[in-house]
Amino acid sequence: MASRLEEDLCCTVCHEIFKDAVVLSCSHSFCRDCLQSWWTEKVIKECPLCKRRHSSDRPPNFALKNLCETFLQERDQRSPEALCSLHSEELKLFCLDHQQPVCVVCRDSEKHTDHSFRPMDEAARQHKKELQETLQPLKNKEEALNFDLLSSVLDLWGCCCSGPPCCWEPASGMAKTS
């Protein structure tokens, strides 16, 4: 279902978002090509909405053009996964059994009978927590490997210290200056 804003940004001839919008002296706006096509079919150049007569002058409607471009950019940046591909409904739930986002229509379908669901944001928080818990041992191992690598480099280059505290800064790998 189109939003009110999207409806307001649609040409009344083609019912699409304005492309190269022009404004007539009656203040109605149309796509330049839509108006041109409309006028080629008519003897008298009139507004497709109010039927008021007009000259061939069709100045661009820059404000409307900019609004349409901004709207289209923002719409294109929204996640395509936000709508169910089967029902075009918003994906608000997460099926724990199938581990996938679902809409309310999917939830009630035969495919998801007796399944468990969570709100999308709750499921996302849980998955994030699980990923962080899985990642922590890897981070610890990385730190240990970095320390082992530094120790090996110091052994190769020969450290002047007989033990801690060492003259090398472990965080930077640079020698301390006294």
Protein backbone atom coordinates (compact mmCIF):
# COMPACT_ATOMS: atom_id res chain seq x y z
CA MET A 1 0.00 0.00 0.00
CA ALA A 2 1.41 3.37 -1.03
CA SER A 3 2.00 6.00 1.63
CA ARG A 4 0.17 9.32 1.51
CA LEU A 5 3.45 11.01 0.59
CA GLU A 6 3.96 8.61 -2.30
CA GLU A 7 0.42 9.28 -3.53
CA ASP A 8 1.08 13.03 -3.39
CA LEU A 9 4.25 12.61 -5.45
CA CYS A 10 2.48 10.69 -8.24
CA CYS A 11 1.53 12.07 -11.61
CA THR A 12 -2.24 11.84 -12.17
CA VAL A 13 -1.70 10.72 -15.76
CA CYS A 14 0.74 7.80 -15.34
CA HIS A 15 0.22 7.22 -11.58
CA GLU A 16 3.98 6.93 -11.04
CA ILE A 17 6.37 9.18 -9.11
CA PHE A 18 6.89 12.35 -11.17
CA LYS A 19 9.66 12.20 -13.76
CA ASP A 20 10.85 15.61 -14.99
CA ALA A 21 7.88 17.39 -13.40
CA VAL A 22 6.44 20.47 -15.10
CA VAL A 23 3.87 22.90 -13.69
CA LEU A 24 1.03 24.52 -15.58
CA SER A 25 -0.32 28.00 -14.88
CA CYS A 26 -3.28 26.37 -13.06
CA SER A 27 -0.63 25.00 -10.61
CA HIS A 28 -1.19 21.33 -11.51
CA SER A 29 1.97 19.32 -12.15
CA PHE A 30 2.64 16.38 -14.46
CA CYS A 31 5.54 14.42 -15.88
CA ARG A 32 6.82 16.28 -18.95
CA ASP A 33 6.34 13.20 -21.18
CA CYS A 34 2.87 12.47 -19.77
CA LEU A 35 1.69 15.99 -20.49
CA GLN A 36 3.23 15.92 -23.97
CA SER A 37 1.46 12.62 -24.73
CA TRP A 38 -1.82 13.97 -23.35
CA TRP A 39 -1.55 17.07 -25.51
CA THR A 40 -0.71 15.19 -28.72
CA GLU A 41 -4.11 13.47 -28.43
CA LYS A 42 -5.98 16.78 -27.93
CA VAL A 43 -6.80 19.63 -30.26
CA ILE A 44 -6.77 22.15 -27.41
CA LYS A 45 -3.91 22.13 -24.91
CA GLU A 46 -5.72 21.80 -21.59
CA CYS A 47 -4.86 20.62 -18.10
CA PRO A 48 -5.65 16.90 -17.73
CA LEU A 49 -7.24 17.65 -14.32
CA CYS A 50 -9.11 20.95 -14.44
CA LYS A 51 -9.38 21.24 -18.26
CA ARG A 52 -8.15 24.84 -18.16
CA ARG A 53 -6.54 25.93 -21.46
CA HIS A 54 -2.79 26.48 -21.51
CA SER A 55 -0.05 27.64 -23.82
CA SER A 56 2.75 25.32 -24.82
CA ASP A 57 4.91 26.78 -22.07
CA ARG A 58 5.73 24.07 -19.52
CA PRO A 59 8.23 25.34 -16.93
CA PRO A 60 9.97 22.75 -14.79
CA ASN A 61 8.74 22.28 -11.23
CA PHE A 62 12.15 22.12 -9.51
CA ALA A 63 10.78 21.88 -5.98
CA LEU A 64 8.66 18.86 -6.90
CA LYS A 65 11.52 17.35 -8.90
CA ASN A 66 13.83 17.59 -5.86
CA LEU A 67 11.20 16.14 -3.53
CA CYS A 68 10.63 13.19 -5.86
CA GLU A 69 14.36 12.51 -6.21
CA THR A 70 14.83 12.60 -2.43
CA PHE A 71 11.83 10.33 -1.88
CA LEU A 72 13.07 7.80 -4.45
CA GLN A 73 16.60 7.78 -2.96
CA GLU A 74 15.27 7.19 0.55
CA ARG A 75 12.85 4.51 -0.64
CA ASP A 76 15.64 2.72 -2.52
CA GLN A 77 17.88 2.80 0.57
CA ARG A 78 15.29 1.00 2.69
CA SER A 79 15.96 -2.69 3.12
CA PRO A 80 14.25 -4.81 0.46
CA GLU A 81 13.94 -7.58 3.08
CA ALA A 82 11.59 -5.39 5.11
CA LEU A 83 8.56 -6.80 3.24
CA CYS A 84 7.46 -10.42 2.94
CA SER A 85 8.07 -11.65 -0.61
CA LEU A 86 4.91 -13.78 -0.42
CA HIS A 87 2.44 -11.35 1.15
CA SER A 88 4.05 -7.88 0.83
CA GLU A 89 3.49 -7.44 4.56
CA GLU A 90 6.06 -6.00 6.95
CA LEU A 91 8.37 -8.60 8.49
CA LYS A 92 7.72 -8.11 12.21
CA LEU A 93 8.34 -11.62 13.55
CA PHE A 94 11.15 -14.16 13.57
CA CYS A 95 10.37 -17.88 13.25
CA LEU A 96 12.67 -19.67 15.70
CA ASP A 97 12.09 -23.02 13.98
CA HIS A 98 13.07 -21.84 10.49
CA GLN A 99 15.42 -19.09 11.71
CA GLN A 100 13.93 -16.54 9.31
CA PRO A 101 11.88 -13.33 9.42
CA VAL A 102 8.15 -13.74 8.77
CA CYS A 103 5.05 -11.56 8.49
CA VAL A 104 1.85 -12.08 10.48
CA VAL A 105 0.23 -13.86 7.52
CA CYS A 106 3.14 -16.33 7.33
CA ARG A 107 2.88 -16.92 11.09
CA ASP A 108 -0.70 -18.14 10.64
CA SER A 109 0.08 -20.24 7.57
CA GLU A 110 0.32 -24.02 7.46
CA LYS A 111 4.07 -23.82 6.86
CA HIS A 112 4.59 -22.39 10.36
CA THR A 113 2.03 -24.43 12.31
CA ASP A 114 3.13 -24.99 15.94
CA HIS A 115 6.28 -22.90 15.46
CA SER A 116 7.72 -20.47 18.00
CA PHE A 117 8.04 -16.77 17.13
CA ARG A 118 9.67 -13.70 18.64
CA PRO A 119 9.36 -10.03 17.74
CA MET A 120 12.07 -9.13 15.23
CA ASP A 121 13.97 -6.75 17.55
CA GLU A 122 14.00 -9.31 20.39
CA ALA A 123 15.30 -12.04 18.08
CA ALA A 124 17.95 -9.65 16.72
CA ARG A 125 19.16 -8.84 20.26
CA GLN A 126 19.36 -12.56 21.09
CA HIS A 127 21.30 -13.35 17.90
CA LYS A 128 23.66 -10.42 18.58
CA LYS A 129 24.29 -11.70 22.11
CA GLU A 130 25.01 -15.22 20.80
CA LEU A 131 27.40 -13.84 18.17
CA GLN A 132 29.25 -11.79 20.79
CA GLU A 133 29.57 -14.87 23.04
CA THR A 134 30.91 -16.88 20.09
CA LEU A 135 33.29 -14.09 19.11
CA GLN A 136 34.82 -13.56 22.56
CA PRO A 137 36.95 -16.76 22.60
CA LEU A 138 38.22 -15.83 19.12
CA LYS A 139 39.19 -12.35 20.35
CA ASN A 140 40.99 -13.92 23.32
CA LYS A 141 42.84 -16.29 21.00
CA GLU A 142 43.79 -13.37 18.72
CA GLU A 143 45.26 -11.49 21.69
CA ALA A 144 47.23 -14.57 22.74
CA LEU A 145 48.54 -15.06 19.19
CA ASN A 146 49.55 -11.40 18.97
CA PHE A 147 51.44 -11.73 22.26
CA ASP A 148 53.13 -14.93 21.06
CA LEU A 149 54.07 -13.19 17.80
CA LEU A 150 55.54 -10.23 19.65
CA SER A 151 57.48 -12.54 21.93
CA SER A 152 58.85 -14.39 18.91
CA VAL A 153 59.91 -11.12 17.26
CA LEU A 154 61.63 -9.99 20.44
CA ASP A 155 63.42 -13.34 20.66
CA LEU A 156 64.56 -13.00 17.05
CA TRP A 157 65.77 -9.42 17.42
CA GLY A 158 67.10 -9.97 20.86
CA CYS A 159 65.63 -8.05 23.70
CA CYS A 160 68.09 -6.40 26.05
CA CYS A 161 65.92 -7.12 29.09
CA SER A 162 66.34 -10.23 31.13
CA GLY A 163 62.68 -10.22 32.13
CA PRO A 164 59.75 -8.01 32.91
CA PRO A 165 59.45 -5.10 32.72
CA CYS A 166 60.52 -5.26 29.11
CA CYS A 167 61.83 -2.32 27.07
CA TRP A 168 59.25 -3.04 24.35
CA GLU A 169 55.70 -1.65 24.45
CA PRO A 170 53.44 -4.65 23.71
CA ALA A 171 50.58 -2.47 22.43
CA SER A 172 52.68 -0.66 19.85
CA GLY A 173 55.63 -2.95 19.24
CA MET A 174 57.92 0.05 19.78
CA ALA A 175 60.86 0.31 22.09
CA LYS A 176 60.37 2.38 25.23
CA THR A 177 62.49 5.49 25.48
CA SER A 178 63.89 6.33 28.87
